Amino acid sequence: MKEVRFSEPLYQADISYLVGGDVPELKAFLKNRHGDAHMYSFGSKFNWAEDADTTNAYQFHISQPLGKGEIFYVWVADKTAYLLFHETYHLVGDILSNRGVVYCLESEEAYAYLGGWIFQEAFKLLKGTFRKR
């Protein structure tokens, strides 16, 4: 699994993109890094479902106990523009809802700008390319 990390300064979000591997490897990576810290998505506790191994992408965040930090994660099995954007879209929603910004007409630009910036940073760090026809 390859990891790229960066921070988003306006909403003070530490972000990690993980690419490659499978769900058991992802679980092992998180257990090694965070122990038994809880995972969340959109303010709700994130739990692995029985069919967790059947997907190829996830988005969630981990809040460490005792104020030791918060990291927003995107994991994709394959580095494709579609999966990266799809999970980045969820990531933006998770970050902003976690910061109290409700999605509506008045906040749509905040979501769009943050999504564009995060996607650009991740795509650059992951050395992404688009196919040319």
C-alpha atoms as a PDB file:
ATOM      1  CA  MET A   1       0.000   0.000   0.000  1.00  0.00           C
ATOM      2  CA  LYS A   2       1.310   3.439  -0.940  1.00  0.00           C
ATOM      3  CA  GLU A   3       0.514   6.412   1.305  1.00  0.00           C
ATOM      4  CA  VAL A   4       0.584  10.125   0.605  1.00  0.00           C
ATOM      5  CA  ARG A   5      -0.264  12.606   3.353  1.00  0.00           C
ATOM      6  CA  PHE A   6      -0.919  16.319   3.379  1.00  0.00           C
ATOM      7  CA  SER A   7      -2.715  18.910   5.447  1.00  0.00           C
ATOM      8  CA  GLU A   8      -5.528  21.202   4.412  1.00  0.00           C
ATOM      9  CA  PRO A   9      -4.927  24.511   6.227  1.00  0.00           C
ATOM     10  CA  LEU A  10      -8.328  26.239   6.162  1.00  0.00           C
ATOM     11  CA  TYR A  11     -10.301  23.450   7.870  1.00  0.00           C
ATOM     12  CA  GLN A  12      -7.185  22.051   9.576  1.00  0.00           C
ATOM     13  CA  ALA A  13      -7.625  18.552   8.218  1.00  0.00           C
ATOM     14  CA  ASP A  14      -4.804  16.014   8.078  1.00  0.00           C
ATOM     15  CA  ILE A  15      -5.462  13.790   5.077  1.00  0.00           C
ATOM     16  CA  SER A  16      -4.004  10.427   4.074  1.00  0.00           C
ATOM     17  CA  TYR A  17      -4.606   8.678   0.755  1.00  0.00           C
ATOM     18  CA  LEU A  18      -3.790   4.971   0.689  1.00  0.00           C
ATOM     19  CA  VAL A  19      -3.550   3.178  -2.643  1.00  0.00           C
ATOM     20  CA  GLY A  20      -3.243  -0.532  -3.274  1.00  0.00           C
ATOM     21  CA  GLY A  21      -3.647  -3.659  -1.265  1.00  0.00           C
ATOM     22  CA  ASP A  22      -6.922  -5.105  -0.087  1.00  0.00           C
ATOM     23  CA  VAL A  23      -9.263  -4.653   2.868  1.00  0.00           C
ATOM     24  CA  PRO A  24      -7.409  -7.072   5.202  1.00  0.00           C
ATOM     25  CA  GLU A  25      -4.186  -5.128   4.522  1.00  0.00           C
ATOM     26  CA  LEU A  26      -6.013  -1.852   5.171  1.00  0.00           C
ATOM     27  CA  LYS A  27      -7.349  -3.165   8.491  1.00  0.00           C
ATOM     28  CA  ALA A  28      -3.866  -4.347   9.511  1.00  0.00           C
ATOM     29  CA  PHE A  29      -2.343  -0.980   8.556  1.00  0.00           C
ATOM     30  CA  LEU A  30      -4.914   0.917  10.649  1.00  0.00           C
ATOM     31  CA  LYS A  31      -4.566  -1.434  13.626  1.00  0.00           C
ATOM     32  CA  ASN A  32      -0.781  -1.005  13.528  1.00  0.00           C
ATOM     33  CA  ARG A  33      -0.993   2.801  13.276  1.00  0.00           C
ATOM     34  CA  HIS A  34      -3.979   3.532  15.519  1.00  0.00           C
ATOM     35  CA  GLY A  35      -4.517   0.499  17.729  1.00  0.00           C
ATOM     36  CA  ASP A  36      -8.142   0.373  18.819  1.00  0.00           C
ATOM     37  CA  ALA A  37      -9.007   4.000  17.995  1.00  0.00           C
ATOM     38  CA  HIS A  38     -12.530   4.450  16.661  1.00  0.00           C
ATOM     39  CA  MET A  39     -13.270   5.143  13.017  1.00  0.00           C
ATOM     40  CA  TYR A  40     -15.973   7.602  11.950  1.00  0.00           C
ATOM     41  CA  SER A  41     -17.674   8.839   8.818  1.00  0.00           C
ATOM     42  CA  PHE A  42     -20.019  11.834   8.774  1.00  0.00           C
ATOM     43  CA  GLY A  43     -20.151  11.918  12.575  1.00  0.00           C
ATOM     44  CA  SER A  44     -21.196   8.295  12.961  1.00  0.00           C
ATOM     45  CA  LYS A  45     -19.044   5.448  14.167  1.00  0.00           C
ATOM     46  CA  PHE A  46     -17.775   3.444  11.197  1.00  0.00           C
ATOM     47  CA  ASN A  47     -17.932  -0.325  11.552  1.00  0.00           C
ATOM     48  CA  TRP A  48     -16.739  -2.942   9.105  1.00  0.00           C
ATOM     49  CA  ALA A  49     -19.713  -4.793   7.645  1.00  0.00           C
ATOM     50  CA  GLU A  50     -19.704  -8.526   6.910  1.00  0.00           C
ATOM     51  CA  ASP A  51     -19.114  -7.784   3.226  1.00  0.00           C
ATOM     52  CA  ALA A  52     -16.319  -5.256   3.904  1.00  0.00           C
ATOM     53  CA  ASP A  53     -13.861  -7.219   1.766  1.00  0.00           C
ATOM     54  CA  THR A  54     -16.038  -6.878  -1.338  1.00  0.00           C
ATOM     55  CA  THR A  55     -15.393  -3.173  -1.939  1.00  0.00           C
ATOM     56  CA  ASN A  56     -12.448  -1.432  -3.548  1.00  0.00           C
ATOM     57  CA  ALA A  57     -12.578   1.944  -1.773  1.00  0.00           C
ATOM     58  CA  TYR A  58     -13.384   3.536   1.589  1.00  0.00           C
ATOM     59  CA  GLN A  59     -13.432   6.970   3.204  1.00  0.00           C
ATOM     60  CA  PHE A  60     -13.460   7.583   6.964  1.00  0.00           C
ATOM     61  CA  HIS A  61     -11.600   9.406   9.706  1.00  0.00           C
ATOM     62  CA  ILE A  62      -9.979   8.340  12.942  1.00  0.00           C
ATOM     63  CA  SER A  63     -10.093  10.464  16.049  1.00  0.00           C
ATOM     64  CA  GLN A  64      -7.402   9.516  18.504  1.00  0.00           C
ATOM     65  CA  PRO A  65      -8.186   9.425  22.212  1.00  0.00           C
ATOM     66  CA  LEU A  66      -7.004  12.227  24.478  1.00  0.00           C
ATOM     67  CA  GLY A  67      -6.854  14.784  21.684  1.00  0.00           C
ATOM     68  CA  LYS A  68      -3.892  13.195  19.916  1.00  0.00           C
ATOM     69  CA  GLY A  69      -5.131  14.135  16.484  1.00  0.00           C
ATOM     70  CA  GLU A  70      -7.532  13.296  13.753  1.00  0.00           C
ATOM     71  CA  ILE A  71      -6.718  11.874  10.332  1.00  0.00           C
ATOM     72  CA  PHE A  72      -9.087  11.699   7.372  1.00  0.00           C
ATOM     73  CA  TYR A  73      -8.436   8.659   5.174  1.00  0.00           C
ATOM     74  CA  VAL A  74      -9.211   7.649   1.635  1.00  0.00           C
ATOM     75  CA  TRP A  75      -8.305   4.115   0.598  1.00  0.00           C
ATOM     76  CA  VAL A  76      -8.591   2.894  -2.980  1.00  0.00           C
ATOM     77  CA  ALA A  77      -7.474  -0.484  -4.266  1.00  0.00           C
ATOM     78  CA  ASP A  78      -6.608   0.952  -7.683  1.00  0.00           C
ATOM     79  CA  LYS A  79      -5.452   4.449  -8.586  1.00  0.00           C
ATOM     80  CA  THR A  80      -8.124   5.453 -11.036  1.00  0.00           C
ATOM     81  CA  ALA A  81      -9.414   8.983 -11.510  1.00  0.00           C
ATOM     82  CA  TYR A  82     -12.980   7.743 -10.992  1.00  0.00           C
ATOM     83  CA  LEU A  83     -12.295   6.110  -7.606  1.00  0.00           C
ATOM     84  CA  LEU A  84     -10.087   8.981  -6.438  1.00  0.00           C
ATOM     85  CA  PHE A  85     -12.734  11.567  -7.227  1.00  0.00           C
ATOM     86  CA  HIS A  86     -15.584   9.454  -5.860  1.00  0.00           C
ATOM     87  CA  GLU A  87     -13.889   8.974  -2.480  1.00  0.00           C
ATOM     88  CA  THR A  88     -12.644  12.584  -2.435  1.00  0.00           C
ATOM     89  CA  TYR A  89     -16.246  13.707  -2.793  1.00  0.00           C
ATOM     90  CA  HIS A  90     -17.139  11.681   0.306  1.00  0.00           C
ATOM     91  CA  LEU A  91     -14.020  12.990   2.062  1.00  0.00           C
ATOM     92  CA  VAL A  92     -15.042  16.612   1.515  1.00  0.00           C
ATOM     93  CA  GLY A  93     -18.488  15.885   2.918  1.00  0.00           C
ATOM     94  CA  ASP A  94     -16.973  14.174   5.962  1.00  0.00           C
ATOM     95  CA  ILE A  95     -14.528  17.012   6.661  1.00  0.00           C
ATOM     96  CA  LEU A  96     -17.057  19.795   6.254  1.00  0.00           C
ATOM     97  CA  SER A  97     -19.889  18.083   8.117  1.00  0.00           C
ATOM     98  CA  ASN A  98     -17.384  17.334  10.896  1.00  0.00           C
ATOM     99  CA  ARG A  99     -16.611  21.066  10.980  1.00  0.00           C
ATOM    100  CA  GLY A 100     -20.303  21.990  11.105  1.00  0.00           C
ATOM    101  CA  VAL A 101     -20.751  23.095   7.484  1.00  0.00           C
ATOM    102  CA  VAL A 102     -24.091  21.789   6.241  1.00  0.00           C
ATOM    103  CA  TYR A 103     -24.394  21.156   2.504  1.00  0.00           C
ATOM    104  CA  CYS A 104     -26.869  23.604   0.963  1.00  0.00           C
ATOM    105  CA  LEU A 105     -26.986  26.193  -1.797  1.00  0.00           C
ATOM    106  CA  GLU A 106     -25.067  28.722   0.316  1.00  0.00           C
ATOM    107  CA  SER A 107     -22.261  26.272   1.173  1.00  0.00           C
ATOM    108  CA  GLU A 108     -21.979  24.568  -2.222  1.00  0.00           C
ATOM    109  CA  GLU A 109     -18.983  26.683  -3.286  1.00  0.00           C
ATOM    110  CA  ALA A 110     -17.098  25.757  -0.111  1.00  0.00           C
ATOM    111  CA  TYR A 111     -17.653  22.074  -0.934  1.00  0.00           C
ATOM    112  CA  ALA A 112     -16.637  22.567  -4.568  1.00  0.00           C
ATOM    113  CA  TYR A 113     -13.472  24.561  -3.819  1.00  0.00           C
ATOM    114  CA  LEU A 114     -12.346  22.201  -1.060  1.00  0.00           C
ATOM    115  CA  GLY A 115     -13.016  19.174  -3.266  1.00  0.00           C
ATOM    116  CA  GLY A 116     -11.069  20.639  -6.159  1.00  0.00           C
ATOM    117  CA  TRP A 117      -8.112  21.556  -3.959  1.00  0.00           C
ATOM    118  CA  ILE A 118      -7.960  18.174  -2.210  1.00  0.00           C
ATOM    119  CA  PHE A 119      -8.334  16.239  -5.477  1.00  0.00           C
ATOM    120  CA  GLN A 120      -5.581  18.328  -7.071  1.00  0.00           C
ATOM    121  CA  GLU A 121      -3.189  17.745  -4.153  1.00  0.00           C
ATOM    122  CA  ALA A 122      -3.859  14.003  -3.968  1.00  0.00           C
ATOM    123  CA  PHE A 123      -3.657  13.575  -7.749  1.00  0.00           C
ATOM    124  CA  LYS A 124      -0.339  15.440  -7.850  1.00  0.00           C
ATOM    125  CA  LEU A 125       1.194  13.493  -4.938  1.00  0.00           C
ATOM    126  CA  LEU A 126       0.006  10.191  -6.384  1.00  0.00           C
ATOM    127  CA  LYS A 127       1.441  11.166  -9.772  1.00  0.00           C
ATOM    128  CA  GLY A 128      -1.918  10.611 -11.396  1.00  0.00           C
ATOM    129  CA  THR A 129      -2.448  10.918 -15.130  1.00  0.00           C
ATOM    130  CA  PHE A 130      -5.498  10.953 -17.320  1.00  0.00           C
ATOM    131  CA  ARG A 131      -5.648   8.789 -20.411  1.00  0.00           C
ATOM    132  CA  LYS A 132      -5.451  10.723 -23.652  1.00  0.00           C
ATOM    133  CA  ARG A 133      -7.492   9.462 -26.566  1.00  0.00           C
END
